[in-house]
PDB file of N, CA and C in Angstrom:
ATOM      1  N   MET A   1      -2.743   1.959  39.068  1.00  0.00           N
ATOM      2  CA  MET A   1      -4.056   1.390  38.871  1.00  0.00           C
ATOM      3  C   MET A   1      -4.148   0.842  37.440  1.00  0.00           C
ATOM      4  N   THR A   2      -4.606  -0.360  37.302  1.00  0.00           N
ATOM      5  CA  THR A   2      -4.747  -1.007  36.013  1.00  0.00           C
ATOM      6  C   THR A   2      -6.134  -0.722  35.441  1.00  0.00           C
ATOM      7  N   ALA A   3      -6.159  -0.413  34.147  1.00  0.00           N
ATOM      8  CA  ALA A   3      -7.434  -0.133  33.487  1.00  0.00           C
ATOM      9  C   ALA A   3      -8.238  -1.411  33.351  1.00  0.00           C
ATOM     10  N   THR A   4      -9.537  -1.276  33.485  1.00  0.00           N
ATOM     11  CA  THR A   4     -10.424  -2.417  33.272  1.00  0.00           C
ATOM     12  C   THR A   4     -10.526  -2.694  31.778  1.00  0.00           C
ATOM     13  N   ALA A   5     -11.057  -3.835  31.436  1.00  0.00           N
ATOM     14  CA  ALA A   5     -11.238  -4.187  30.029  1.00  0.00           C
ATOM     15  C   ALA A   5     -12.129  -3.168  29.321  1.00  0.00           C
ATOM     16  N   ASN A   6     -13.172  -2.710  29.987  1.00  0.00           N
ATOM     17  CA  ASN A   6     -14.073  -1.717  29.385  1.00  0.00           C
ATOM     18  C   ASN A   6     -13.371  -0.382  29.197  1.00  0.00           C
ATOM     19  N   GLU A   7     -12.544   0.014  30.153  1.00  0.00           N
ATOM     20  CA  GLU A   7     -11.796   1.265  30.022  1.00  0.00           C
ATOM     21  C   GLU A   7     -10.790   1.170  28.881  1.00  0.00           C
ATOM     22  N   ARG A   8     -10.142   0.031  28.761  1.00  0.00           N
ATOM     23  CA  ARG A   8      -9.167  -0.183  27.684  1.00  0.00           C
ATOM     24  C   ARG A   8      -9.870  -0.161  26.327  1.00  0.00           C
ATOM     25  N   LEU A   9     -11.004  -0.837  26.237  1.00  0.00           N
ATOM     26  CA  LEU A   9     -11.770  -0.846  24.992  1.00  0.00           C
ATOM     27  C   LEU A   9     -12.214   0.562  24.619  1.00  0.00           C
ATOM     28  N   ALA A  10     -12.652   1.337  25.587  1.00  0.00           N
ATOM     29  CA  ALA A  10     -13.062   2.725  25.322  1.00  0.00           C
ATOM     30  C   ALA A  10     -11.888   3.550  24.825  1.00  0.00           C
ATOM     31  N   ALA A  11     -10.711   3.345  25.407  1.00  0.00           N
ATOM     32  CA  ALA A  11      -9.525   4.090  24.982  1.00  0.00           C
ATOM     33  C   ALA A  11      -9.107   3.711  23.563  1.00  0.00           C
ATOM     34  N   VAL A  12      -9.155   2.430  23.253  1.00  0.00           N
ATOM     35  CA  VAL A  12      -8.802   1.966  21.906  1.00  0.00           C
ATOM     36  C   VAL A  12      -9.810   2.493  20.890  1.00  0.00           C
ATOM     37  N   THR A  13     -11.074   2.461  21.230  1.00  0.00           N
ATOM     38  CA  THR A  13     -12.121   2.974  20.341  1.00  0.00           C
ATOM     39  C   THR A  13     -11.930   4.461  20.089  1.00  0.00           C
ATOM     40  N   ALA A  14     -11.649   5.218  21.133  1.00  0.00           N
ATOM     41  CA  ALA A  14     -11.421   6.662  20.980  1.00  0.00           C
ATOM     42  C   ALA A  14     -10.213   6.924  20.094  1.00  0.00           C
ATOM     43  N   ALA A  15      -9.154   6.152  20.264  1.00  0.00           N
ATOM     44  CA  ALA A  15      -7.959   6.316  19.433  1.00  0.00           C
ATOM     45  C   ALA A  15      -8.260   5.981  17.971  1.00  0.00           C
ATOM     46  N   ALA A  16      -9.051   4.943  17.739  1.00  0.00           N
ATOM     47  CA  ALA A  16      -9.417   4.563  16.373  1.00  0.00           C
ATOM     48  C   ALA A  16     -10.234   5.658  15.696  1.00  0.00           C
ATOM     49  N   VAL A  17     -11.123   6.293  16.449  1.00  0.00           N
ATOM     50  CA  VAL A  17     -11.937   7.378  15.893  1.00  0.00           C
ATOM     51  C   VAL A  17     -11.052   8.564  15.525  1.00  0.00           C
ATOM     52  N   VAL A  18     -10.109   8.914  16.372  1.00  0.00           N
ATOM     53  CA  VAL A  18      -9.183  10.014  16.069  1.00  0.00           C
ATOM     54  C   VAL A  18      -8.355   9.663  14.831  1.00  0.00           C
ATOM     55  N   PHE A  19      -7.830   8.449  14.780  1.00  0.00           N
ATOM     56  CA  PHE A  19      -7.062   7.977  13.632  1.00  0.00           C
ATOM     57  C   PHE A  19      -7.880   8.111  12.349  1.00  0.00           C
ATOM     58  N   ALA A  20      -9.110   7.622  12.395  1.00  0.00           N
ATOM     59  CA  ALA A  20      -9.977   7.661  11.214  1.00  0.00           C
ATOM     60  C   ALA A  20     -10.299   9.091  10.798  1.00  0.00           C
ATOM     61  N   ASP A  21     -10.542   9.956  11.762  1.00  0.00           N
ATOM     62  CA  ASP A  21     -10.820  11.356  11.435  1.00  0.00           C
ATOM     63  C   ASP A  21      -9.636  11.996  10.713  1.00  0.00           C
ATOM     64  N   VAL A  22      -8.425  11.666  11.143  1.00  0.00           N
ATOM     65  CA  VAL A  22      -7.219  12.225  10.516  1.00  0.00           C
ATOM     66  C   VAL A  22      -7.029  11.679   9.109  1.00  0.00           C
ATOM     67  N   PHE A  23      -7.232  10.357   8.935  1.00  0.00           N
ATOM     68  CA  PHE A  23      -6.964   9.736   7.644  1.00  0.00           C
ATOM     69  C   PHE A  23      -8.170   9.740   6.705  1.00  0.00           C
ATOM     70  N   ASP A  24      -9.243  10.405   7.091  1.00  0.00           N
ATOM     71  CA  ASP A  24     -10.398  10.608   6.216  1.00  0.00           C
ATOM     72  C   ASP A  24     -10.102  11.822   5.338  1.00  0.00           C
ATOM     73  N   SER A  25      -9.089  11.671   4.503  1.00  0.00           N
ATOM     74  CA  SER A  25      -8.624  12.773   3.670  1.00  0.00           C
ATOM     75  C   SER A  25      -8.200  12.247   2.313  1.00  0.00           C
ATOM     76  N   GLY A  26      -8.834  12.760   1.281  1.00  0.00           N
ATOM     77  CA  GLY A  26      -8.458  12.381  -0.070  1.00  0.00           C
ATOM     78  C   GLY A  26      -7.053  12.813  -0.422  1.00  0.00           C
ATOM     79  N   ASP A  27      -6.619  13.941   0.122  1.00  0.00           N
ATOM     80  CA  ASP A  27      -5.265  14.416  -0.156  1.00  0.00           C
ATOM     81  C   ASP A  27      -4.216  13.461   0.399  1.00  0.00           C
ATOM     82  N   ILE A  28      -4.431  13.003   1.625  1.00  0.00           N
ATOM     83  CA  ILE A  28      -3.485  12.053   2.218  1.00  0.00           C
ATOM     84  C   ILE A  28      -3.533  10.740   1.446  1.00  0.00           C
ATOM     85  N   ALA A  29      -4.722  10.272   1.138  1.00  0.00           N
ATOM     86  CA  ALA A  29      -4.865   9.015   0.395  1.00  0.00           C
ATOM     87  C   ALA A  29      -4.157   9.098  -0.951  1.00  0.00           C
ATOM     88  N   ALA A  30      -4.338  10.192  -1.657  1.00  0.00           N
ATOM     89  CA  ALA A  30      -3.710  10.354  -2.966  1.00  0.00           C
ATOM     90  C   ALA A  30      -2.193  10.352  -2.866  1.00  0.00           C
ATOM     91  N   SER A  31      -1.675  10.897  -1.786  1.00  0.00           N
ATOM     92  CA  SER A  31      -0.222  10.994  -1.608  1.00  0.00           C
ATOM     93  C   SER A  31       0.414   9.713  -1.101  1.00  0.00           C
ATOM     94  N   VAL A  32      -0.320   8.933  -0.323  1.00  0.00           N
ATOM     95  CA  VAL A  32       0.287   7.830   0.415  1.00  0.00           C
ATOM     96  C   VAL A  32      -0.154   6.444  -0.059  1.00  0.00           C
ATOM     97  N   ALA A  33      -1.379   6.304  -0.512  1.00  0.00           N
ATOM     98  CA  ALA A  33      -1.972   4.980  -0.748  1.00  0.00           C
ATOM     99  C   ALA A  33      -1.167   4.106  -1.707  1.00  0.00           C
ATOM    100  N   THR A  34      -0.574   4.683  -2.730  1.00  0.00           N
ATOM    101  CA  THR A  34       0.167   3.861  -3.688  1.00  0.00           C
ATOM    102  C   THR A  34       1.469   3.313  -3.110  1.00  0.00           C
ATOM    103  N   SER A  35       1.929   3.888  -2.003  1.00  0.00           N
ATOM    104  CA  SER A  35       3.174   3.392  -1.401  1.00  0.00           C
ATOM    105  C   SER A  35       2.913   2.322  -0.339  1.00  0.00           C
ATOM    106  N   LEU A  36       1.663   2.035  -0.039  1.00  0.00           N
ATOM    107  CA  LEU A  36       1.324   1.019   0.955  1.00  0.00           C
ATOM    108  C   LEU A  36       1.161  -0.344   0.294  1.00  0.00           C
ATOM    109  N   THR A  37       1.392  -1.377   1.075  1.00  0.00           N
ATOM    110  CA  THR A  37       1.113  -2.732   0.595  1.00  0.00           C
ATOM    111  C   THR A  37      -0.395  -2.971   0.663  1.00  0.00           C
ATOM    112  N   CYS A  38      -0.843  -4.036   0.029  1.00  0.00           N
ATOM    113  CA  CYS A  38      -2.269  -4.373   0.076  1.00  0.00           C
ATOM    114  C   CYS A  38      -2.714  -4.615   1.513  1.00  0.00           C
ATOM    115  N   THR A  39      -1.908  -5.300   2.285  1.00  0.00           N
ATOM    116  CA  THR A  39      -2.245  -5.587   3.677  1.00  0.00           C
ATOM    117  C   THR A  39      -2.339  -4.302   4.488  1.00  0.00           C
ATOM    118  N   GLU A  40      -1.414  -3.385   4.273  1.00  0.00           N
ATOM    119  CA  GLU A  40      -1.425  -2.119   5.003  1.00  0.00           C
ATOM    120  C   GLU A  40      -2.653  -1.287   4.673  1.00  0.00           C
ATOM    121  N   VAL A  41      -2.994  -1.175   3.395  1.00  0.00           N
ATOM    122  CA  VAL A  41      -4.152  -0.363   3.027  1.00  0.00           C
ATOM    123  C   VAL A  41      -5.446  -1.031   3.475  1.00  0.00           C
ATOM    124  N   ASP A  42      -5.489  -2.351   3.484  1.00  0.00           N
ATOM    125  CA  ASP A  42      -6.672  -3.042   4.009  1.00  0.00           C
ATOM    126  C   ASP A  42      -6.857  -2.750   5.491  1.00  0.00           C
ATOM    127  N   ALA A  43      -5.780  -2.756   6.257  1.00  0.00           N
ATOM    128  CA  ALA A  43      -5.869  -2.463   7.694  1.00  0.00           C
ATOM    129  C   ALA A  43      -6.341  -1.032   7.923  1.00  0.00           C
ATOM    130  N   LEU A  44      -5.789  -0.096   7.187  1.00  0.00           N
ATOM    131  CA  LEU A  44      -6.188   1.308   7.314  1.00  0.00           C
ATOM    132  C   LEU A  44      -7.648   1.479   6.906  1.00  0.00           C
ATOM    133  N   ALA A  45      -8.023   0.866   5.802  1.00  0.00           N
ATOM    134  CA  ALA A  45      -9.404   0.968   5.323  1.00  0.00           C
ATOM    135  C   ALA A  45     -10.380   0.335   6.314  1.00  0.00           C
ATOM    136  N   ALA A  46      -9.969  -0.742   6.968  1.00  0.00           N
ATOM    137  CA  ALA A  46     -10.843  -1.383   7.955  1.00  0.00           C
ATOM    138  C   ALA A  46     -11.127  -0.447   9.121  1.00  0.00           C
ATOM    139  N   VAL A  47     -10.103   0.233   9.617  1.00  0.00           N
ATOM    140  CA  VAL A  47     -10.311   1.184  10.721  1.00  0.00           C
ATOM    141  C   VAL A  47     -11.221   2.313  10.260  1.00  0.00           C
ATOM    142  N   LEU A  48     -10.977   2.826   9.060  1.00  0.00           N
ATOM    143  CA  LEU A  48     -11.832   3.896   8.536  1.00  0.00           C
ATOM    144  C   LEU A  48     -13.283   3.427   8.439  1.00  0.00           C
ATOM    145  N   ALA A  49     -13.489   2.297   7.809  1.00  0.00           N
ATOM    146  CA  ALA A  49     -14.854   1.808   7.593  1.00  0.00           C
ATOM    147  C   ALA A  49     -15.565   1.482   8.897  1.00  0.00           C
ATOM    148  N   GLU A  50     -14.872   0.851   9.809  1.00  0.00           N
ATOM    149  CA  GLU A  50     -15.510   0.427  11.060  1.00  0.00           C
ATOM    150  C   GLU A  50     -15.782   1.596  12.001  1.00  0.00           C
ATOM    151  N   THR A  51     -15.204   2.754  11.712  1.00  0.00           N
ATOM    152  CA  THR A  51     -15.495   3.951  12.507  1.00  0.00           C
ATOM    153  C   THR A  51     -16.428   4.900  11.759  1.00  0.00           C
ATOM    154  N   GLY A  52     -17.070   4.383  10.705  1.00  0.00           N
ATOM    155  CA  GLY A  52     -18.071   5.171   9.998  1.00  0.00           C
ATOM    156  C   GLY A  52     -17.580   5.957   8.805  1.00  0.00           C
ATOM    157  N   HIS A  53     -16.364   5.718   8.372  1.00  0.00           N
ATOM    158  CA  HIS A  53     -15.779   6.447   7.243  1.00  0.00           C
ATOM    159  C   HIS A  53     -15.663   5.526   6.023  1.00  0.00           C
ATOM    160  N   ARG A  54     -16.779   4.927   5.634  1.00  0.00           N
ATOM    161  CA  ARG A  54     -16.748   3.953   4.529  1.00  0.00           C
ATOM    162  C   ARG A  54     -16.346   4.583   3.193  1.00  0.00           C
ATOM    163  N   ASP A  55     -16.779   5.797   2.929  1.00  0.00           N
ATOM    164  CA  ASP A  55     -16.381   6.453   1.677  1.00  0.00           C
ATOM    165  C   ASP A  55     -14.874   6.677   1.642  1.00  0.00           C
ATOM    166  N   ALA A  56     -14.315   7.083   2.759  1.00  0.00           N
ATOM    167  CA  ALA A  56     -12.868   7.284   2.832  1.00  0.00           C
ATOM    168  C   ALA A  56     -12.136   5.955   2.667  1.00  0.00           C
ATOM    169  N   ALA A  57     -12.671   4.890   3.249  1.00  0.00           N
ATOM    170  CA  ALA A  57     -12.057   3.567   3.109  1.00  0.00           C
ATOM    171  C   ALA A  57     -12.006   3.169   1.636  1.00  0.00           C
ATOM    172  N   ALA A  58     -13.115   3.367   0.944  1.00  0.00           N
ATOM    173  CA  ALA A  58     -13.160   3.045  -0.486  1.00  0.00           C
ATOM    174  C   ALA A  58     -12.192   3.918  -1.272  1.00  0.00           C
ATOM    175  N   GLN A  59     -12.050   5.169  -0.870  1.00  0.00           N
ATOM    176  CA  GLN A  59     -11.128   6.069  -1.563  1.00  0.00           C
ATOM    177  C   GLN A  59      -9.676   5.603  -1.393  1.00  0.00           C
ATOM    178  N   TRP A  60      -9.312   5.165  -0.191  1.00  0.00           N
ATOM    179  CA  TRP A  60      -7.965   4.632   0.030  1.00  0.00           C
ATOM    180  C   TRP A  60      -7.738   3.399  -0.846  1.00  0.00           C
ATOM    181  N   ILE A  61      -8.734   2.526  -0.930  1.00  0.00           N
ATOM    182  CA  ILE A  61      -8.609   1.334  -1.781  1.00  0.00           C
ATOM    183  C   ILE A  61      -8.460   1.757  -3.239  1.00  0.00           C
ATOM    184  N   GLU A  62      -9.262   2.716  -3.664  1.00  0.00           N
ATOM    185  CA  GLU A  62      -9.199   3.182  -5.055  1.00  0.00           C
ATOM    186  C   GLU A  62      -7.834   3.760  -5.395  1.00  0.00           C
ATOM    187  N   TYR A  63      -7.317   4.650  -4.560  1.00  0.00           N
ATOM    188  CA  TYR A  63      -6.000   5.239  -4.818  1.00  0.00           C
ATOM    189  C   TYR A  63      -4.910   4.177  -4.776  1.00  0.00           C
ATOM    190  N   HIS A  64      -4.994   3.268  -3.832  1.00  0.00           N
ATOM    191  CA  HIS A  64      -3.999   2.202  -3.744  1.00  0.00           C
ATOM    192  C   HIS A  64      -4.049   1.303  -4.979  1.00  0.00           C
ATOM    193  N   ALA A  65      -5.248   1.000  -5.440  1.00  0.00           N
ATOM    194  CA  ALA A  65      -5.415   0.098  -6.587  1.00  0.00           C
ATOM    195  C   ALA A  65      -4.696   0.603  -7.830  1.00  0.00           C
ATOM    196  N   ALA A  66      -4.471   1.901  -7.914  1.00  0.00           N
ATOM    197  CA  ALA A  66      -3.748   2.463  -9.061  1.00  0.00           C
ATOM    198  C   ALA A  66      -2.339   1.882  -9.165  1.00  0.00           C
ATOM    199  N   SER A  67      -1.786   1.403  -8.037  1.00  0.00           N
ATOM    200  CA  SER A  67      -0.440   0.832  -8.058  1.00  0.00           C
ATOM    201  C   SER A  67      -0.464  -0.689  -8.144  1.00  0.00           C
ATOM    202  N   ASP A  68      -1.637  -1.293  -8.072  1.00  0.00           N
ATOM    203  CA  ASP A  68      -1.757  -2.750  -8.171  1.00  0.00           C
ATOM    204  C   ASP A  68      -1.854  -3.131  -9.643  1.00  0.00           C
ATOM    205  N   ASP A  69      -0.738  -3.603 -10.191  1.00  0.00           N
ATOM    206  CA  ASP A  69      -0.727  -3.908 -11.613  1.00  0.00           C
ATOM    207  C   ASP A  69      -0.365  -5.364 -11.917  1.00  0.00           C
ATOM    208  N   GLU A  70      -0.262  -6.163 -10.894  1.00  0.00           N
ATOM    209  CA  GLU A  70       0.024  -7.585 -11.066  1.00  0.00           C
ATOM    210  C   GLU A  70      -1.246  -8.388 -10.783  1.00  0.00           C
ATOM    211  N   GLU A  71      -1.395  -9.519 -11.416  1.00  0.00           N
ATOM    212  CA  GLU A  71      -2.574 -10.347 -11.188  1.00  0.00           C
ATOM    213  C   GLU A  71      -2.705 -10.787  -9.740  1.00  0.00           C
ATOM    214  N   VAL A  72      -1.598 -10.885  -9.017  1.00  0.00           N
ATOM    215  CA  VAL A  72      -1.644 -11.332  -7.630  1.00  0.00           C
ATOM    216  C   VAL A  72      -1.993 -10.197  -6.669  1.00  0.00           C
ATOM    217  N   ASP A  73      -2.044  -8.971  -7.151  1.00  0.00           N
ATOM    218  CA  ASP A  73      -2.379  -7.840  -6.296  1.00  0.00           C
ATOM    219  C   ASP A  73      -3.845  -7.904  -5.898  1.00  0.00           C
ATOM    220  N   THR A  74      -4.101  -7.677  -4.645  1.00  0.00           N
ATOM    221  CA  THR A  74      -5.445  -7.804  -4.074  1.00  0.00           C
ATOM    222  C   THR A  74      -6.452  -6.862  -4.708  1.00  0.00           C
ATOM    223  N   HIS A  75      -6.043  -5.658  -5.029  1.00  0.00           N
ATOM    224  CA  HIS A  75      -6.999  -4.617  -5.400  1.00  0.00           C
ATOM    225  C   HIS A  75      -7.097  -4.352  -6.898  1.00  0.00           C
ATOM    226  N   GLN A  76      -6.405  -5.132  -7.688  1.00  0.00           N
ATOM    227  CA  GLN A  76      -6.483  -4.935  -9.126  1.00  0.00           C
ATOM    228  C   GLN A  76      -7.888  -5.274  -9.611  1.00  0.00           C
ATOM    229  N   ASN A  77      -8.487  -4.364 -10.338  1.00  0.00           N
ATOM    230  CA  ASN A  77      -9.798  -4.563 -10.947  1.00  0.00           C
ATOM    231  C   ASN A  77     -10.919  -4.838  -9.944  1.00  0.00           C
ATOM    232  N   VAL A  78     -10.880  -4.171  -8.787  1.00  0.00           N
ATOM    233  CA  VAL A  78     -11.988  -4.297  -7.832  1.00  0.00           C
ATOM    234  C   VAL A  78     -12.772  -2.995  -7.804  1.00  0.00           C
ATOM    235  N   ASP A  79     -14.038  -3.115  -7.472  1.00  0.00           N
ATOM    236  CA  ASP A  79     -14.851  -1.931  -7.229  1.00  0.00           C
ATOM    237  C   ASP A  79     -14.612  -1.547  -5.771  1.00  0.00           C
ATOM    238  N   PRO A  80     -14.006  -0.383  -5.499  1.00  0.00           N
ATOM    239  CA  PRO A  80     -13.653  -0.021  -4.122  1.00  0.00           C
ATOM    240  C   PRO A  80     -14.839  -0.034  -3.162  1.00  0.00           C
ATOM    241  N   ASP A  81     -15.986   0.474  -3.585  1.00  0.00           N
ATOM    242  CA  ASP A  81     -17.158   0.490  -2.705  1.00  0.00           C
ATOM    243  C   ASP A  81     -17.629  -0.927  -2.379  1.00  0.00           C
ATOM    244  N   GLU A  82     -17.682  -1.777  -3.389  1.00  0.00           N
ATOM    245  CA  GLU A  82     -18.107  -3.156  -3.174  1.00  0.00           C
ATOM    246  C   GLU A  82     -17.090  -3.900  -2.305  1.00  0.00           C
ATOM    247  N   TYR A  83     -15.814  -3.664  -2.547  1.00  0.00           N
ATOM    248  CA  TYR A  83     -14.758  -4.310  -1.769  1.00  0.00           C
ATOM    249  C   TYR A  83     -14.903  -3.973  -0.290  1.00  0.00           C
ATOM    250  N   VAL A  84     -15.054  -2.705   0.001  1.00  0.00           N
ATOM    251  CA  VAL A  84     -15.198  -2.263   1.393  1.00  0.00           C
ATOM    252  C   VAL A  84     -16.469  -2.842   2.007  1.00  0.00           C
ATOM    253  N   ALA A  85     -17.529  -2.870   1.245  1.00  0.00           N
ATOM    254  CA  ALA A  85     -18.815  -3.349   1.772  1.00  0.00           C
ATOM    255  C   ALA A  85     -18.822  -4.855   2.051  1.00  0.00           C
ATOM    256  N   THR A  86     -18.011  -5.640   1.332  1.00  0.00           N
ATOM    257  CA  THR A  86     -18.111  -7.082   1.452  1.00  0.00           C
ATOM    258  C   THR A  86     -17.066  -7.733   2.340  1.00  0.00           C
ATOM    259  N   TRP A  87     -15.931  -7.128   2.550  1.00  0.00           N
ATOM    260  CA  TRP A  87     -14.900  -7.820   3.316  1.00  0.00           C
ATOM    261  C   TRP A  87     -14.757  -7.338   4.752  1.00  0.00           C
ATOM    262  N   LEU A  88     -15.459  -6.299   5.103  1.00  0.00           N
ATOM    263  CA  LEU A  88     -15.239  -5.705   6.406  1.00  0.00           C
ATOM    264  C   LEU A  88     -15.731  -6.550   7.575  1.00  0.00           C
ATOM    265  N   ILE A  89     -15.248  -6.199   8.737  1.00  0.00           N
ATOM    266  CA  ILE A  89     -15.534  -6.924   9.967  1.00  0.00           C
ATOM    267  C   ILE A  89     -17.028  -6.954  10.256  1.00  0.00           C
ATOM    268  N   SER A  90     -17.697  -5.823  10.097  1.00  0.00           N
ATOM    269  CA  SER A  90     -19.140  -5.788  10.365  1.00  0.00           C
ATOM    270  C   SER A  90     -19.887  -5.166   9.222  1.00  0.00           C
TER     271      SER A  90
END
């Protein structure tokens, strides 16, 4: 039996919520964020923010920004809260 579009959307949404709940952790962010690329941390932060974890999204951006030391780096000299609030999907 093939899942309907609504069933698939519900499954993806549930998975995103579980993902966000797991990665809503300052300890994980502190350990991992500096090793991610700007694109990777933006994707992770988007899932966090869009599932209601905006503070965690900003924290991931903040920890990641510590490794952004080139002018071309996306997160150098950004306010993490403002960044999350202005670029997100919704």
